[in-house]
Amino acid sequence: MPKLFKMNDLAVFTLEVSLLFPFCVYMVAQVDLAAAAGINPHIYLLVFLLGLISSVAFIAYILASNWLPINLLGLLGYLETVAMLFISLYIGETIQPASYPLLFGLSAAMLLLMYDGFRGAKK
C-alpha cells in the first residue's frame, strides 16, 4: 500500500509534534508548577532531561524504521517494556499480582523473538 502523502517518517513525526504542541501547552498550563517545584526543587531540570531523553529515543526509533522490517520494529516495543520492568524492579518498585500475566506474555514474546532471530541467523 503506497503512502498517501509520500512523506518520510521524520517529516510525519515533525508534523505530528507540531499539531500536538498546542494541546501540550494547554495541559502544562493546567498544572500548578509552583507546587510541584515546592515538592521537588529539581523538577524543571528533571522534566527537561526527560524530554531530551524521550526526543532522542523517538528520533532513533524513527530512523531505525527506515532500516528495519516493520515486524521487528514493532516487537522492539516489547523490549522497551521488559527493560523498563527490570529497571523499575532494580529501583525498588513492586509489581501487582494482577500484572503477572501481562509481564509473562511480554517476556515470552521477547524470548520467541530472540529464538527466531537466532534460528534465522543460523540459516
Foldseek 3Di string as FASTA:
>chain_A
DDDPVPDALVVVVVVVCVVCVVVVVVVVVVDPVVVVCVVPVCVVVVVVVVVVVVVVVVVVLSVVPVPDDPVVSVLVVLVVVLVVVVVCVVVPDDDDPVCVVVNVVSVVSVVVVVVVVVVVVVD
